[in-house]
Amino acid sequence: MCSDEKEDVESAFLSNQFWKLLTLNVKVTEGLLILENQQLEKFNEMDGLTLLKKQIVAIINDRWYFMHSSMHCVGIVLDPEWLKKG
């Protein structure tokens, strides 16, 4: 990474706009997690098809955790390409 890119990343992290967008992102993500948990609770309350329900929940959780791992999120936040599009 050249010094110009480092300065761009540093200025992005120090900007108020970055932190406002990050705060908004956290609030939206938190809302989505609450919604997902509510849906899973209702799904689990359904009678019958226990094995099928467990398989479906496992697929949903595997995909969710793959796309929302800490490393995945950090990679997007730190990617200079996305910082410039903000």
PDB file of N, CA and C in Angstrom:
ATOM      1  N   MET A   1       0.853  -1.169   0.000  1.00  0.00           N
ATOM      2  CA  MET A   1       0.000   0.000   0.000  1.00  0.00           C
ATOM      3  C   MET A   1       0.899   1.231   0.000  1.00  0.00           C
ATOM      4  N   CYS A   2       0.664   2.153  -0.920  1.00  0.00           N
ATOM      5  CA  CYS A   2       1.489   3.356  -0.978  1.00  0.00           C
ATOM      6  C   CYS A   2       1.015   4.369   0.060  1.00  0.00           C
ATOM      7  N   SER A   3       1.809   5.400   0.282  1.00  0.00           N
ATOM      8  CA  SER A   3       1.510   6.360   1.347  1.00  0.00           C
ATOM      9  C   SER A   3       0.208   7.121   1.079  1.00  0.00           C
ATOM     10  N   ASP A   4      -0.119   7.376  -0.194  1.00  0.00           N
ATOM     11  CA  ASP A   4      -1.377   8.056  -0.516  1.00  0.00           C
ATOM     12  C   ASP A   4      -2.579   7.216  -0.070  1.00  0.00           C
ATOM     13  N   GLU A   5      -2.501   5.905  -0.318  1.00  0.00           N
ATOM     14  CA  GLU A   5      -3.585   5.019   0.088  1.00  0.00           C
ATOM     15  C   GLU A   5      -3.697   4.972   1.599  1.00  0.00           C
ATOM     16  N   LYS A   6      -2.559   4.943   2.291  1.00  0.00           N
ATOM     17  CA  LYS A   6      -2.570   4.938   3.754  1.00  0.00           C
ATOM     18  C   LYS A   6      -3.210   6.216   4.285  1.00  0.00           C
ATOM     19  N   GLU A   7      -2.882   7.333   3.666  1.00  0.00           N
ATOM     20  CA  GLU A   7      -3.469   8.601   4.096  1.00  0.00           C
ATOM     21  C   GLU A   7      -4.969   8.623   3.828  1.00  0.00           C
ATOM     22  N   ASP A   8      -5.397   8.053   2.701  1.00  0.00           N
ATOM     23  CA  ASP A   8      -6.822   7.982   2.396  1.00  0.00           C
ATOM     24  C   ASP A   8      -7.563   7.139   3.430  1.00  0.00           C
ATOM     25  N   VAL A   9      -6.990   5.994   3.764  1.00  0.00           N
ATOM     26  CA  VAL A   9      -7.608   5.109   4.758  1.00  0.00           C
ATOM     27  C   VAL A   9      -7.634   5.798   6.116  1.00  0.00           C
ATOM     28  N   GLU A  10      -6.522   6.421   6.483  1.00  0.00           N
ATOM     29  CA  GLU A  10      -6.457   7.104   7.774  1.00  0.00           C
ATOM     30  C   GLU A  10      -7.469   8.237   7.844  1.00  0.00           C
ATOM     31  N   SER A  11      -7.556   9.031   6.802  1.00  0.00           N
ATOM     32  CA  SER A  11      -8.513  10.143   6.816  1.00  0.00           C
ATOM     33  C   SER A  11      -9.946   9.631   6.839  1.00  0.00           C
ATOM     34  N   ALA A  12     -10.193   8.504   6.185  1.00  0.00           N
ATOM     35  CA  ALA A  12     -11.544   7.925   6.215  1.00  0.00           C
ATOM     36  C   ALA A  12     -11.903   7.494   7.633  1.00  0.00           C
ATOM     37  N   PHE A  13     -10.966   6.839   8.323  1.00  0.00           N
ATOM     38  CA  PHE A  13     -11.238   6.395   9.692  1.00  0.00           C
ATOM     39  C   PHE A  13     -11.420   7.566  10.648  1.00  0.00           C
ATOM     40  N   LEU A  14     -10.779   8.652  10.377  1.00  0.00           N
ATOM     41  CA  LEU A  14     -10.868   9.813  11.265  1.00  0.00           C
ATOM     42  C   LEU A  14     -12.049  10.722  10.928  1.00  0.00           C
ATOM     43  N   SER A  15     -12.716  10.479   9.829  1.00  0.00           N
ATOM     44  CA  SER A  15     -13.812  11.352   9.426  1.00  0.00           C
ATOM     45  C   SER A  15     -15.098  11.035  10.185  1.00  0.00           C
ATOM     46  N   ASN A  16     -15.879  12.058  10.423  1.00  0.00           N
ATOM     47  CA  ASN A  16     -17.180  11.880  11.080  1.00  0.00           C
ATOM     48  C   ASN A  16     -18.121  11.066  10.205  1.00  0.00           C
ATOM     49  N   GLN A  17     -18.045  11.253   8.904  1.00  0.00           N
ATOM     50  CA  GLN A  17     -18.922  10.536   7.973  1.00  0.00           C
ATOM     51  C   GLN A  17     -18.731   9.022   8.090  1.00  0.00           C
ATOM     52  N   PHE A  18     -17.495   8.580   8.204  1.00  0.00           N
ATOM     53  CA  PHE A  18     -17.210   7.146   8.351  1.00  0.00           C
ATOM     54  C   PHE A  18     -17.916   6.596   9.574  1.00  0.00           C
ATOM     55  N   TRP A  19     -17.789   7.280  10.698  1.00  0.00           N
ATOM     56  CA  TRP A  19     -18.370   6.778  11.944  1.00  0.00           C
ATOM     57  C   TRP A  19     -19.887   6.870  11.933  1.00  0.00           C
ATOM     58  N   LYS A  20     -20.441   7.871  11.262  1.00  0.00           N
ATOM     59  CA  LYS A  20     -21.898   7.945  11.121  1.00  0.00           C
ATOM     60  C   LYS A  20     -22.412   6.766  10.302  1.00  0.00           C
ATOM     61  N   LEU A  21     -21.734   6.467   9.201  1.00  0.00           N
ATOM     62  CA  LEU A  21     -22.134   5.333   8.368  1.00  0.00           C
ATOM     63  C   LEU A  21     -21.949   4.006   9.097  1.00  0.00           C
ATOM     64  N   LEU A  22     -20.877   3.889   9.844  1.00  0.00           N
ATOM     65  CA  LEU A  22     -20.636   2.665  10.605  1.00  0.00           C
ATOM     66  C   LEU A  22     -21.714   2.473  11.675  1.00  0.00           C
ATOM     67  N   THR A  23     -22.093   3.553  12.351  1.00  0.00           N
ATOM     68  CA  THR A  23     -23.154   3.482  13.363  1.00  0.00           C
ATOM     69  C   THR A  23     -24.472   3.074  12.722  1.00  0.00           C
ATOM     70  N   LEU A  24     -24.782   3.644  11.572  1.00  0.00           N
ATOM     71  CA  LEU A  24     -26.000   3.274  10.848  1.00  0.00           C
ATOM     72  C   LEU A  24     -25.967   1.804  10.446  1.00  0.00           C
ATOM     73  N   ASN A  25     -24.816   1.356   9.975  1.00  0.00           N
ATOM     74  CA  ASN A  25     -24.642  -0.049   9.584  1.00  0.00           C
ATOM     75  C   ASN A  25     -24.892  -0.973  10.774  1.00  0.00           C
ATOM     76  N   VAL A  26     -24.367  -0.624  11.933  1.00  0.00           N
ATOM     77  CA  VAL A  26     -24.563  -1.441  13.134  1.00  0.00           C
ATOM     78  C   VAL A  26     -26.042  -1.501  13.497  1.00  0.00           C
ATOM     79  N   LYS A  27     -26.735  -0.363  13.428  1.00  0.00           N
ATOM     80  CA  LYS A  27     -28.156  -0.336  13.773  1.00  0.00           C
ATOM     81  C   LYS A  27     -28.981  -1.183  12.805  1.00  0.00           C
ATOM     82  N   VAL A  28     -28.688  -1.076  11.521  1.00  0.00           N
ATOM     83  CA  VAL A  28     -29.417  -1.865  10.523  1.00  0.00           C
ATOM     84  C   VAL A  28     -29.144  -3.353  10.719  1.00  0.00           C
ATOM     85  N   THR A  29     -27.877  -3.694  10.910  1.00  0.00           N
ATOM     86  CA  THR A  29     -27.509  -5.096  11.107  1.00  0.00           C
ATOM     87  C   THR A  29     -28.160  -5.651  12.369  1.00  0.00           C
ATOM     88  N   GLU A  30     -28.179  -4.863  13.417  1.00  0.00           N
ATOM     89  CA  GLU A  30     -28.813  -5.297  14.669  1.00  0.00           C
ATOM     90  C   GLU A  30     -30.297  -5.575  14.440  1.00  0.00           C
ATOM     91  N   GLY A  31     -30.962  -4.700  13.680  1.00  0.00           N
ATOM     92  CA  GLY A  31     -32.368  -4.911  13.356  1.00  0.00           C
ATOM     93  C   GLY A  31     -32.590  -6.183  12.553  1.00  0.00           C
ATOM     94  N   LEU A  32     -31.704  -6.437  11.612  1.00  0.00           N
ATOM     95  CA  LEU A  32     -31.817  -7.656  10.805  1.00  0.00           C
ATOM     96  C   LEU A  32     -31.612  -8.910  11.659  1.00  0.00           C
ATOM     97  N   LEU A  33     -30.680  -8.849  12.591  1.00  0.00           N
ATOM     98  CA  LEU A  33     -30.454  -9.989  13.478  1.00  0.00           C
ATOM     99  C   LEU A  33     -31.669 -10.255  14.361  1.00  0.00           C
ATOM    100  N   ILE A  34     -32.277  -9.198  14.857  1.00  0.00           N
ATOM    101  CA  ILE A  34     -33.486  -9.360  15.675  1.00  0.00           C
ATOM    102  C   ILE A  34     -34.597  -9.977  14.844  1.00  0.00           C
ATOM    103  N   LEU A  35     -34.772  -9.501  13.625  1.00  0.00           N
ATOM    104  CA  LEU A  35     -35.792 -10.049  12.731  1.00  0.00           C
ATOM    105  C   LEU A  35     -35.526 -11.515  12.426  1.00  0.00           C
ATOM    106  N   GLU A  36     -34.266 -11.851  12.151  1.00  0.00           N
ATOM    107  CA  GLU A  36     -33.935 -13.241  11.865  1.00  0.00           C
ATOM    108  C   GLU A  36     -34.231 -14.132  13.074  1.00  0.00           C
ATOM    109  N   ASN A  37     -33.875 -13.665  14.262  1.00  0.00           N
ATOM    110  CA  ASN A  37     -34.145 -14.453  15.470  1.00  0.00           C
ATOM    111  C   ASN A  37     -35.640 -14.649  15.688  1.00  0.00           C
ATOM    112  N   GLN A  38     -36.438 -13.616  15.417  1.00  0.00           N
ATOM    113  CA  GLN A  38     -37.888 -13.735  15.555  1.00  0.00           C
ATOM    114  C   GLN A  38     -38.438 -14.766  14.568  1.00  0.00           C
ATOM    115  N   GLN A  39     -37.937 -14.728  13.339  1.00  0.00           N
ATOM    116  CA  GLN A  39     -38.391 -15.688  12.340  1.00  0.00           C
ATOM    117  C   GLN A  39     -37.998 -17.113  12.721  1.00  0.00           C
ATOM    118  N   LEU A  40     -36.788 -17.283  13.224  1.00  0.00           N
ATOM    119  CA  LEU A  40     -36.356 -18.618  13.629  1.00  0.00           C
ATOM    120  C   LEU A  40     -37.168 -19.131  14.824  1.00  0.00           C
ATOM    121  N   GLU A  41     -37.524 -18.234  15.749  1.00  0.00           N
ATOM    122  CA  GLU A  41     -38.345 -18.639  16.884  1.00  0.00           C
ATOM    123  C   GLU A  41     -39.721 -19.109  16.416  1.00  0.00           C
ATOM    124  N   LYS A  42     -40.337 -18.369  15.504  1.00  0.00           N
ATOM    125  CA  LYS A  42     -41.643 -18.767  14.968  1.00  0.00           C
ATOM    126  C   LYS A  42     -41.534 -20.079  14.199  1.00  0.00           C
ATOM    127  N   PHE A  43     -40.464 -20.215  13.451  1.00  0.00           N
ATOM    128  CA  PHE A  43     -40.236 -21.437  12.691  1.00  0.00           C
ATOM    129  C   PHE A  43     -40.111 -22.628  13.631  1.00  0.00           C
ATOM    130  N   ASN A  44     -39.391 -22.433  14.726  1.00  0.00           N
ATOM    131  CA  ASN A  44     -39.198 -23.515  15.692  1.00  0.00           C
ATOM    132  C   ASN A  44     -40.478 -23.865  16.440  1.00  0.00           C
ATOM    133  N   GLU A  45     -41.414 -22.934  16.512  1.00  0.00           N
ATOM    134  CA  GLU A  45     -42.689 -23.187  17.184  1.00  0.00           C
ATOM    135  C   GLU A  45     -43.640 -24.027  16.336  1.00  0.00           C
ATOM    136  N   MET A  46     -43.364 -24.132  15.055  1.00  0.00           N
ATOM    137  CA  MET A  46     -44.230 -24.911  14.172  1.00  0.00           C
ATOM    138  C   MET A  46     -44.169 -26.387  14.556  1.00  0.00           C
ATOM    139  N   ASP A  47     -45.307 -27.057  14.463  1.00  0.00           N
ATOM    140  CA  ASP A  47     -45.374 -28.478  14.783  1.00  0.00           C
ATOM    141  C   ASP A  47     -44.972 -29.314  13.567  1.00  0.00           C
ATOM    142  N   GLY A  48     -44.431 -30.497  13.828  1.00  0.00           N
ATOM    143  CA  GLY A  48     -44.113 -31.446  12.769  1.00  0.00           C
ATOM    144  C   GLY A  48     -42.838 -31.119  12.013  1.00  0.00           C
ATOM    145  N   LEU A  49     -42.459 -32.049  11.160  1.00  0.00           N
ATOM    146  CA  LEU A  49     -41.293 -31.910  10.287  1.00  0.00           C
ATOM    147  C   LEU A  49     -40.022 -31.492  11.041  1.00  0.00           C
ATOM    148  N   THR A  50     -39.810 -32.071  12.199  1.00  0.00           N
ATOM    149  CA  THR A  50     -38.696 -31.681  13.061  1.00  0.00           C
ATOM    150  C   THR A  50     -37.339 -31.828  12.367  1.00  0.00           C
ATOM    151  N   LEU A  51     -37.093 -32.952  11.725  1.00  0.00           N
ATOM    152  CA  LEU A  51     -35.806 -33.162  11.063  1.00  0.00           C
ATOM    153  C   LEU A  51     -35.615 -32.166   9.919  1.00  0.00           C
ATOM    154  N   LEU A  52     -36.659 -31.951   9.137  1.00  0.00           N
ATOM    155  CA  LEU A  52     -36.578 -30.994   8.037  1.00  0.00           C
ATOM    156  C   LEU A  52     -36.315 -29.588   8.567  1.00  0.00           C
ATOM    157  N   LYS A  53     -36.998 -29.209   9.633  1.00  0.00           N
ATOM    158  CA  LYS A  53     -36.783 -27.888  10.224  1.00  0.00           C
ATOM    159  C   LYS A  53     -35.332 -27.731  10.677  1.00  0.00           C
ATOM    160  N   LYS A  54     -34.786 -28.743  11.311  1.00  0.00           N
ATOM    161  CA  LYS A  54     -33.395 -28.665  11.771  1.00  0.00           C
ATOM    162  C   LYS A  54     -32.427 -28.498  10.600  1.00  0.00           C
ATOM    163  N   GLN A  55     -32.705 -29.206   9.506  1.00  0.00           N
ATOM    164  CA  GLN A  55     -31.843 -29.100   8.323  1.00  0.00           C
ATOM    165  C   GLN A  55     -31.929 -27.702   7.709  1.00  0.00           C
ATOM    166  N   ILE A  56     -33.141 -27.163   7.639  1.00  0.00           N
ATOM    167  CA  ILE A  56     -33.322 -25.822   7.069  1.00  0.00           C
ATOM    168  C   ILE A  56     -32.621 -24.782   7.936  1.00  0.00           C
ATOM    169  N   VAL A  57     -32.797 -24.867   9.241  1.00  0.00           N
ATOM    170  CA  VAL A  57     -32.142 -23.932  10.155  1.00  0.00           C
ATOM    171  C   VAL A  57     -30.622 -24.036  10.030  1.00  0.00           C
ATOM    172  N   ALA A  58     -30.103 -25.241   9.905  1.00  0.00           N
ATOM    173  CA  ALA A  58     -28.657 -25.431   9.754  1.00  0.00           C
ATOM    174  C   ALA A  58     -28.151 -24.767   8.475  1.00  0.00           C
ATOM    175  N   ILE A  59     -28.886 -24.901   7.375  1.00  0.00           N
ATOM    176  CA  ILE A  59     -28.489 -24.271   6.104  1.00  0.00           C
ATOM    177  C   ILE A  59     -28.494 -22.754   6.239  1.00  0.00           C
ATOM    178  N   ILE A  60     -29.568 -22.221   6.824  1.00  0.00           N
ATOM    179  CA  ILE A  60     -29.673 -20.761   7.000  1.00  0.00           C
ATOM    180  C   ILE A  60     -28.526 -20.257   7.865  1.00  0.00           C
ATOM    181  N   ASN A  61     -28.287 -20.912   8.988  1.00  0.00           N
ATOM    182  CA  ASN A  61     -27.218 -20.474   9.893  1.00  0.00           C
ATOM    183  C   ASN A  61     -25.840 -20.571   9.248  1.00  0.00           C
ATOM    184  N   ASP A  62     -25.578 -21.651   8.531  1.00  0.00           N
ATOM    185  CA  ASP A  62     -24.281 -21.796   7.855  1.00  0.00           C
ATOM    186  C   ASP A  62     -24.045 -20.665   6.861  1.00  0.00           C
ATOM    187  N   ARG A  63     -25.048 -20.367   6.077  1.00  0.00           N
ATOM    188  CA  ARG A  63     -24.898 -19.293   5.082  1.00  0.00           C
ATOM    189  C   ARG A  63     -24.757 -17.937   5.763  1.00  0.00           C
ATOM    190  N   TRP A  64     -25.563 -17.713   6.812  1.00  0.00           N
ATOM    191  CA  TRP A  64     -25.512 -16.440   7.529  1.00  0.00           C
ATOM    192  C   TRP A  64     -24.119 -16.223   8.114  1.00  0.00           C
ATOM    193  N   TYR A  65     -23.589 -17.221   8.823  1.00  0.00           N
ATOM    194  CA  TYR A  65     -22.290 -17.059   9.479  1.00  0.00           C
ATOM    195  C   TYR A  65     -21.148 -16.971   8.472  1.00  0.00           C
ATOM    196  N   PHE A  66     -21.306 -17.602   7.308  1.00  0.00           N
ATOM    197  CA  PHE A  66     -20.280 -17.491   6.276  1.00  0.00           C
ATOM    198  C   PHE A  66     -20.199 -16.054   5.767  1.00  0.00           C
ATOM    199  N   MET A  67     -21.353 -15.437   5.508  1.00  0.00           N
ATOM    200  CA  MET A  67     -21.386 -14.093   4.938  1.00  0.00           C
ATOM    201  C   MET A  67     -21.276 -12.988   5.987  1.00  0.00           C
ATOM    202  N   HIS A  68     -21.363 -13.322   7.253  1.00  0.00           N
ATOM    203  CA  HIS A  68     -21.326 -12.300   8.288  1.00  0.00           C
ATOM    204  C   HIS A  68     -20.266 -12.585   9.347  1.00  0.00           C
ATOM    205  N   SER A  69     -19.194 -13.208   8.910  1.00  0.00           N
ATOM    206  CA  SER A  69     -18.108 -13.448   9.847  1.00  0.00           C
ATOM    207  C   SER A  69     -17.387 -12.124  10.121  1.00  0.00           C
ATOM    208  N   SER A  70     -16.690 -12.070  11.231  1.00  0.00           N
ATOM    209  CA  SER A  70     -15.950 -10.858  11.591  1.00  0.00           C
ATOM    210  C   SER A  70     -14.930 -10.493  10.517  1.00  0.00           C
ATOM    211  N   MET A  71     -14.251 -11.495   9.984  1.00  0.00           N
ATOM    212  CA  MET A  71     -13.234 -11.234   8.961  1.00  0.00           C
ATOM    213  C   MET A  71     -13.863 -10.677   7.687  1.00  0.00           C
ATOM    214  N   HIS A  72     -15.019 -11.186   7.314  1.00  0.00           N
ATOM    215  CA  HIS A  72     -15.714 -10.709   6.127  1.00  0.00           C
ATOM    216  C   HIS A  72     -16.097  -9.240   6.300  1.00  0.00           C
ATOM    217  N   CYS A  73     -16.630  -8.901   7.445  1.00  0.00           N
ATOM    218  CA  CYS A  73     -17.039  -7.521   7.713  1.00  0.00           C
ATOM    219  C   CYS A  73     -15.849  -6.572   7.745  1.00  0.00           C
ATOM    220  N   VAL A  74     -14.772  -6.987   8.396  1.00  0.00           N
ATOM    221  CA  VAL A  74     -13.575  -6.149   8.465  1.00  0.00           C
ATOM    222  C   VAL A  74     -13.010  -5.934   7.067  1.00  0.00           C
ATOM    223  N   GLY A  75     -13.014  -6.969   6.260  1.00  0.00           N
ATOM    224  CA  GLY A  75     -12.510  -6.849   4.896  1.00  0.00           C
ATOM    225  C   GLY A  75     -13.271  -5.817   4.086  1.00  0.00           C
ATOM    226  N   ILE A  76     -14.586  -5.792   4.238  1.00  0.00           N
ATOM    227  CA  ILE A  76     -15.392  -4.808   3.509  1.00  0.00           C
ATOM    228  C   ILE A  76     -15.142  -3.405   4.048  1.00  0.00           C
ATOM    229  N   VAL A  77     -15.113  -3.267   5.376  1.00  0.00           N
ATOM    230  CA  VAL A  77     -14.926  -1.952   5.982  1.00  0.00           C
ATOM    231  C   VAL A  77     -13.574  -1.363   5.605  1.00  0.00           C
ATOM    232  N   LEU A  78     -12.542  -2.181   5.529  1.00  0.00           N
ATOM    233  CA  LEU A  78     -11.192  -1.681   5.263  1.00  0.00           C
ATOM    234  C   LEU A  78     -10.841  -1.596   3.780  1.00  0.00           C
ATOM    235  N   ASP A  79     -11.705  -2.084   2.913  1.00  0.00           N
ATOM    236  CA  ASP A  79     -11.425  -2.067   1.482  1.00  0.00           C
ATOM    237  C   ASP A  79     -11.499  -0.629   0.961  1.00  0.00           C
ATOM    238  N   PRO A  80     -10.358  -0.054   0.527  1.00  0.00           N
ATOM    239  CA  PRO A  80     -10.356   1.330   0.053  1.00  0.00           C
ATOM    240  C   PRO A  80     -11.328   1.578  -1.100  1.00  0.00           C
ATOM    241  N   GLU A  81     -11.583   0.576  -1.907  1.00  0.00           N
ATOM    242  CA  GLU A  81     -12.523   0.737  -3.022  1.00  0.00           C
ATOM    243  C   GLU A  81     -13.906   1.143  -2.511  1.00  0.00           C
ATOM    244  N   TRP A  82     -14.346   0.548  -1.416  1.00  0.00           N
ATOM    245  CA  TRP A  82     -15.667   0.846  -0.861  1.00  0.00           C
ATOM    246  C   TRP A  82     -15.669   2.162  -0.100  1.00  0.00           C
ATOM    247  N   LEU A  83     -14.528   2.541   0.492  1.00  0.00           N
ATOM    248  CA  LEU A  83     -14.458   3.805   1.196  1.00  0.00           C
ATOM    249  C   LEU A  83     -14.673   4.982   0.241  1.00  0.00           C
ATOM    250  N   LYS A  84     -14.165   4.849  -0.972  1.00  0.00           N
ATOM    251  CA  LYS A  84     -14.296   5.933  -1.954  1.00  0.00           C
ATOM    252  C   LYS A  84     -15.700   6.040  -2.510  1.00  0.00           C
ATOM    253  N   LYS A  85     -16.490   4.938  -2.449  1.00  0.00           N
ATOM    254  CA  LYS A  85     -17.844   4.960  -2.985  1.00  0.00           C
ATOM    255  C   LYS A  85     -18.855   5.542  -2.006  1.00  0.00           C
ATOM    256  N   GLY A  86     -18.467   5.642  -0.716  1.00  0.00           N
ATOM    257  CA  GLY A  86     -19.370   6.102   0.338  1.00  0.00           C
ATOM    258  C   GLY A  86     -19.887   7.466   0.065  1.00  0.00           C
TER     259      GLY A  86
END
